[in-house]
């Protein structure tokens, strides 16, 4: 039973990290569409939250799923950094 709970908790942590990255994708998309300081700041705040969620998820065994979510986050960070460099 303990393994089931641990497995469910791991899935939940990974799901939360994925949800956080989806929020980042939305925030970055908005910042790219309407570049202004407020939207860029919101995107960076979303990134911080997603990084925290990924840190929580990385303590579990499913490192392939964590790596996939991390890769998605890195792509969004690069897009936002390019936008910030243009400002």
N, C-alpha and C. Protein backbone atom coordinates (compact mmCIF):
# COMPACT_ATOMS: atom_id res chain seq x y z
N UNK A 1 0.82 -1.19 0.00
CA UNK A 1 0.00 0.00 0.00
C UNK A 1 0.86 1.26 0.00
N UNK A 2 1.98 1.19 0.73
CA UNK A 2 2.86 2.34 0.80
C UNK A 2 3.40 2.69 -0.60
N UNK A 3 3.73 1.67 -1.39
CA UNK A 3 4.21 1.91 -2.76
C UNK A 3 3.14 2.58 -3.61
N UNK A 4 1.87 2.17 -3.42
CA UNK A 4 0.77 2.79 -4.15
C UNK A 4 0.66 4.27 -3.81
N UNK A 5 0.74 4.59 -2.52
CA UNK A 5 0.66 5.98 -2.09
C UNK A 5 1.83 6.76 -2.64
N UNK A 6 3.00 6.18 -2.56
CA UNK A 6 4.20 6.86 -3.07
C UNK A 6 4.09 7.07 -4.57
N UNK A 7 3.59 6.07 -5.27
CA UNK A 7 3.42 6.18 -6.72
C UNK A 7 2.40 7.26 -7.07
N UNK A 8 1.29 7.28 -6.34
CA UNK A 8 0.28 8.31 -6.57
C UNK A 8 0.82 9.69 -6.26
N UNK A 9 1.59 9.80 -5.20
CA UNK A 9 2.17 11.09 -4.85
C UNK A 9 3.15 11.55 -5.93
N UNK A 10 3.95 10.62 -6.45
CA UNK A 10 4.89 10.95 -7.52
C UNK A 10 4.13 11.43 -8.75
N UNK A 11 3.07 10.71 -9.11
CA UNK A 11 2.27 11.12 -10.27
C UNK A 11 1.66 12.49 -10.04
N UNK A 12 1.20 12.76 -8.85
CA UNK A 12 0.62 14.06 -8.53
C UNK A 12 1.66 15.17 -8.62
N UNK A 13 2.85 14.92 -8.10
CA UNK A 13 3.91 15.93 -8.16
C UNK A 13 4.31 16.22 -9.60
N UNK A 14 4.39 15.18 -10.42
CA UNK A 14 4.74 15.37 -11.83
C UNK A 14 3.61 16.09 -12.55
N UNK A 15 2.37 15.74 -12.24
CA UNK A 15 1.22 16.42 -12.84
C UNK A 15 1.24 17.91 -12.47
N UNK A 16 1.52 18.21 -11.22
CA UNK A 16 1.59 19.61 -10.80
C UNK A 16 2.71 20.35 -11.51
N UNK A 17 3.84 19.70 -11.70
CA UNK A 17 4.94 20.33 -12.43
C UNK A 17 4.53 20.58 -13.88
N UNK A 18 3.86 19.62 -14.50
CA UNK A 18 3.39 19.79 -15.87
C UNK A 18 2.40 20.95 -15.96
N UNK A 19 1.49 21.02 -14.99
CA UNK A 19 0.53 22.12 -14.97
C UNK A 19 1.24 23.46 -14.83
N UNK A 20 2.27 23.51 -14.01
CA UNK A 20 3.03 24.74 -13.83
C UNK A 20 3.72 25.15 -15.13
N UNK A 21 4.25 24.18 -15.84
CA UNK A 21 4.90 24.48 -17.12
C UNK A 21 3.87 24.95 -18.15
N UNK A 22 2.67 24.40 -18.10
CA UNK A 22 1.62 24.88 -19.00
C UNK A 22 1.26 26.33 -18.68
N UNK A 23 1.27 26.69 -17.41
CA UNK A 23 1.06 28.09 -17.03
C UNK A 23 2.19 28.97 -17.58
N UNK A 24 3.40 28.45 -17.52
CA UNK A 24 4.55 29.18 -18.08
C UNK A 24 4.35 29.38 -19.58
N UNK A 25 3.95 28.32 -20.27
CA UNK A 25 3.73 28.43 -21.72
C UNK A 25 2.71 29.51 -22.03
N UNK A 26 1.62 29.56 -21.27
CA UNK A 26 0.60 30.58 -21.49
C UNK A 26 1.15 31.97 -21.20
N UNK A 27 1.89 32.11 -20.10
CA UNK A 27 2.44 33.41 -19.72
C UNK A 27 3.47 33.89 -20.74
N UNK A 28 4.31 32.99 -21.21
CA UNK A 28 5.32 33.36 -22.21
C UNK A 28 4.64 33.72 -23.53
N UNK A 29 3.63 32.97 -23.89
CA UNK A 29 2.88 33.26 -25.12
C UNK A 29 2.26 34.66 -25.05
N UNK A 30 1.68 35.00 -23.91
CA UNK A 30 1.10 36.33 -23.75
C UNK A 30 2.18 37.40 -23.83
N UNK A 31 3.30 37.15 -23.20
CA UNK A 31 4.40 38.12 -23.21
C UNK A 31 4.94 38.31 -24.63
N UNK A 32 5.00 37.22 -25.39
CA UNK A 32 5.48 37.33 -26.77
C UNK A 32 4.48 38.08 -27.65
N UNK A 33 3.20 37.86 -27.39
CA UNK A 33 2.16 38.50 -28.19
C UNK A 33 2.03 39.99 -27.87
N UNK A 34 2.17 40.31 -26.60
CA UNK A 34 2.00 41.69 -26.13
C UNK A 34 3.15 42.03 -25.20
N UNK A 35 4.35 42.22 -25.75
CA UNK A 35 5.51 42.42 -24.89
C UNK A 35 5.42 43.71 -24.07
N UNK A 36 5.29 43.54 -22.78
CA UNK A 36 5.39 44.66 -21.87
C UNK A 36 5.95 44.15 -20.56
N UNK A 37 6.40 45.06 -19.74
CA UNK A 37 7.10 44.69 -18.51
C UNK A 37 6.24 43.82 -17.59
N UNK A 38 4.98 44.14 -17.48
CA UNK A 38 4.09 43.39 -16.58
C UNK A 38 3.96 41.93 -17.01
N UNK A 39 3.71 41.69 -18.29
CA UNK A 39 3.55 40.32 -18.77
C UNK A 39 4.86 39.54 -18.71
N UNK A 40 5.96 40.22 -18.97
CA UNK A 40 7.27 39.56 -18.88
C UNK A 40 7.55 39.17 -17.43
N UNK A 41 7.26 40.07 -16.49
CA UNK A 41 7.44 39.76 -15.07
C UNK A 41 6.56 38.59 -14.64
N UNK A 42 5.32 38.57 -15.11
CA UNK A 42 4.42 37.47 -14.78
C UNK A 42 4.97 36.15 -15.31
N UNK A 43 5.55 36.18 -16.50
CA UNK A 43 6.12 34.96 -17.07
C UNK A 43 7.30 34.48 -16.22
N UNK A 44 8.14 35.41 -15.78
CA UNK A 44 9.27 35.02 -14.92
C UNK A 44 8.77 34.45 -13.58
N UNK A 45 7.70 35.01 -13.04
CA UNK A 45 7.13 34.47 -11.80
C UNK A 45 6.58 33.06 -12.03
N UNK A 46 5.97 32.84 -13.16
CA UNK A 46 5.47 31.50 -13.50
C UNK A 46 6.62 30.51 -13.61
N UNK A 47 7.72 30.96 -14.17
CA UNK A 47 8.91 30.10 -14.27
C UNK A 47 9.40 29.71 -12.89
N UNK A 48 9.46 30.66 -11.98
CA UNK A 48 9.92 30.35 -10.62
C UNK A 48 9.02 29.29 -9.97
N UNK A 49 7.72 29.43 -10.15
CA UNK A 49 6.78 28.46 -9.57
C UNK A 49 6.98 27.08 -10.21
N UNK A 50 7.18 27.06 -11.52
CA UNK A 50 7.38 25.79 -12.22
C UNK A 50 8.69 25.13 -11.77
N UNK A 51 9.72 25.93 -11.58
CA UNK A 51 10.99 25.37 -11.12
C UNK A 51 10.83 24.74 -9.73
N UNK A 52 10.05 25.39 -8.88
CA UNK A 52 9.79 24.84 -7.55
C UNK A 52 9.02 23.52 -7.67
N UNK A 53 8.01 23.49 -8.53
CA UNK A 53 7.23 22.27 -8.72
C UNK A 53 8.10 21.14 -9.26
N UNK A 54 9.01 21.48 -10.17
CA UNK A 54 9.92 20.46 -10.71
C UNK A 54 10.87 19.95 -9.64
N UNK A 55 11.31 20.84 -8.77
CA UNK A 55 12.19 20.41 -7.69
C UNK A 55 11.47 19.41 -6.79
N UNK A 56 10.20 19.68 -6.51
CA UNK A 56 9.40 18.75 -5.71
C UNK A 56 9.26 17.40 -6.43
N UNK A 57 8.99 17.44 -7.72
CA UNK A 57 8.78 16.21 -8.50
C UNK A 57 10.06 15.42 -8.67
N UNK A 58 11.20 16.09 -8.68
CA UNK A 58 12.46 15.39 -8.96
C UNK A 58 12.88 14.45 -7.83
N UNK A 59 12.23 14.53 -6.69
CA UNK A 59 12.60 13.64 -5.60
C UNK A 59 11.99 12.24 -5.77
N UNK A 60 11.18 12.05 -6.81
CA UNK A 60 10.56 10.75 -7.06
C UNK A 60 11.29 10.01 -8.18
N UNK A 61 10.90 8.76 -8.39
CA UNK A 61 11.64 7.87 -9.28
C UNK A 61 11.46 8.13 -10.78
N UNK A 62 10.36 8.71 -11.19
CA UNK A 62 10.08 8.83 -12.62
C UNK A 62 10.86 10.00 -13.23
N UNK A 63 12.15 9.80 -13.36
CA UNK A 63 13.03 10.87 -13.85
C UNK A 63 12.83 11.17 -15.33
N UNK A 64 12.33 10.20 -16.09
CA UNK A 64 12.07 10.46 -17.51
C UNK A 64 10.97 11.50 -17.66
N UNK A 65 9.92 11.38 -16.88
CA UNK A 65 8.82 12.35 -16.93
C UNK A 65 9.30 13.71 -16.46
N UNK A 66 10.09 13.73 -15.41
CA UNK A 66 10.63 14.99 -14.90
C UNK A 66 11.52 15.65 -15.94
N UNK A 67 12.34 14.86 -16.62
CA UNK A 67 13.24 15.40 -17.65
C UNK A 67 12.45 15.98 -18.81
N UNK A 68 11.36 15.35 -19.16
CA UNK A 68 10.52 15.86 -20.25
C UNK A 68 9.91 17.21 -19.88
N UNK A 69 9.39 17.31 -18.67
CA UNK A 69 8.80 18.57 -18.20
C UNK A 69 9.89 19.64 -18.10
N UNK A 70 11.06 19.25 -17.61
CA UNK A 70 12.19 20.18 -17.50
C UNK A 70 12.59 20.71 -18.88
N UNK A 71 12.58 19.85 -19.87
CA UNK A 71 12.92 20.25 -21.24
C UNK A 71 11.92 21.28 -21.77
N UNK A 72 10.64 21.04 -21.51
CA UNK A 72 9.61 21.98 -21.93
C UNK A 72 9.81 23.34 -21.25
N UNK A 73 10.14 23.30 -19.97
CA UNK A 73 10.38 24.54 -19.24
C UNK A 73 11.58 25.29 -19.80
N UNK A 74 12.63 24.57 -20.12
CA UNK A 74 13.84 25.22 -20.66
C UNK A 74 13.54 25.92 -21.98
N UNK A 75 12.71 25.31 -22.81
CA UNK A 75 12.34 25.95 -24.09
C UNK A 75 11.62 27.26 -23.84
N UNK A 76 10.73 27.28 -22.85
CA UNK A 76 9.99 28.49 -22.54
C UNK A 76 10.91 29.56 -21.95
N UNK A 77 11.86 29.13 -21.13
CA UNK A 77 12.81 30.08 -20.55
C UNK A 77 13.65 30.73 -21.64
N UNK A 78 14.06 29.94 -22.63
CA UNK A 78 14.85 30.48 -23.74
C UNK A 78 14.04 31.49 -24.54
N UNK A 79 12.78 31.19 -24.81
CA UNK A 79 11.94 32.11 -25.57
C UNK A 79 11.76 33.42 -24.81
N UNK A 80 11.55 33.32 -23.51
CA UNK A 80 11.38 34.53 -22.70
C UNK A 80 12.68 35.32 -22.61
N UNK A 81 13.79 34.62 -22.52
CA UNK A 81 15.09 35.31 -22.46
C UNK A 81 15.36 36.06 -23.75
N UNK A 82 15.02 35.46 -24.89
CA UNK A 82 15.18 36.15 -26.17
C UNK A 82 14.33 37.41 -26.22
N UNK A 83 13.10 37.32 -25.73
CA UNK A 83 12.23 38.49 -25.68
C UNK A 83 12.81 39.54 -24.77
N UNK A 84 13.31 39.15 -23.61
CA UNK A 84 13.90 40.10 -22.67
C UNK A 84 15.11 40.79 -23.29
N UNK A 85 15.89 40.05 -24.06
CA UNK A 85 17.07 40.63 -24.70
C UNK A 85 16.69 41.67 -25.76
N UNK A 86 15.52 41.52 -26.35
CA UNK A 86 15.04 42.45 -27.38
C UNK A 86 14.49 43.73 -26.78
N UNK A 87 14.11 43.67 -25.52
CA UNK A 87 13.49 44.82 -24.87
C UNK A 87 14.49 45.89 -24.52
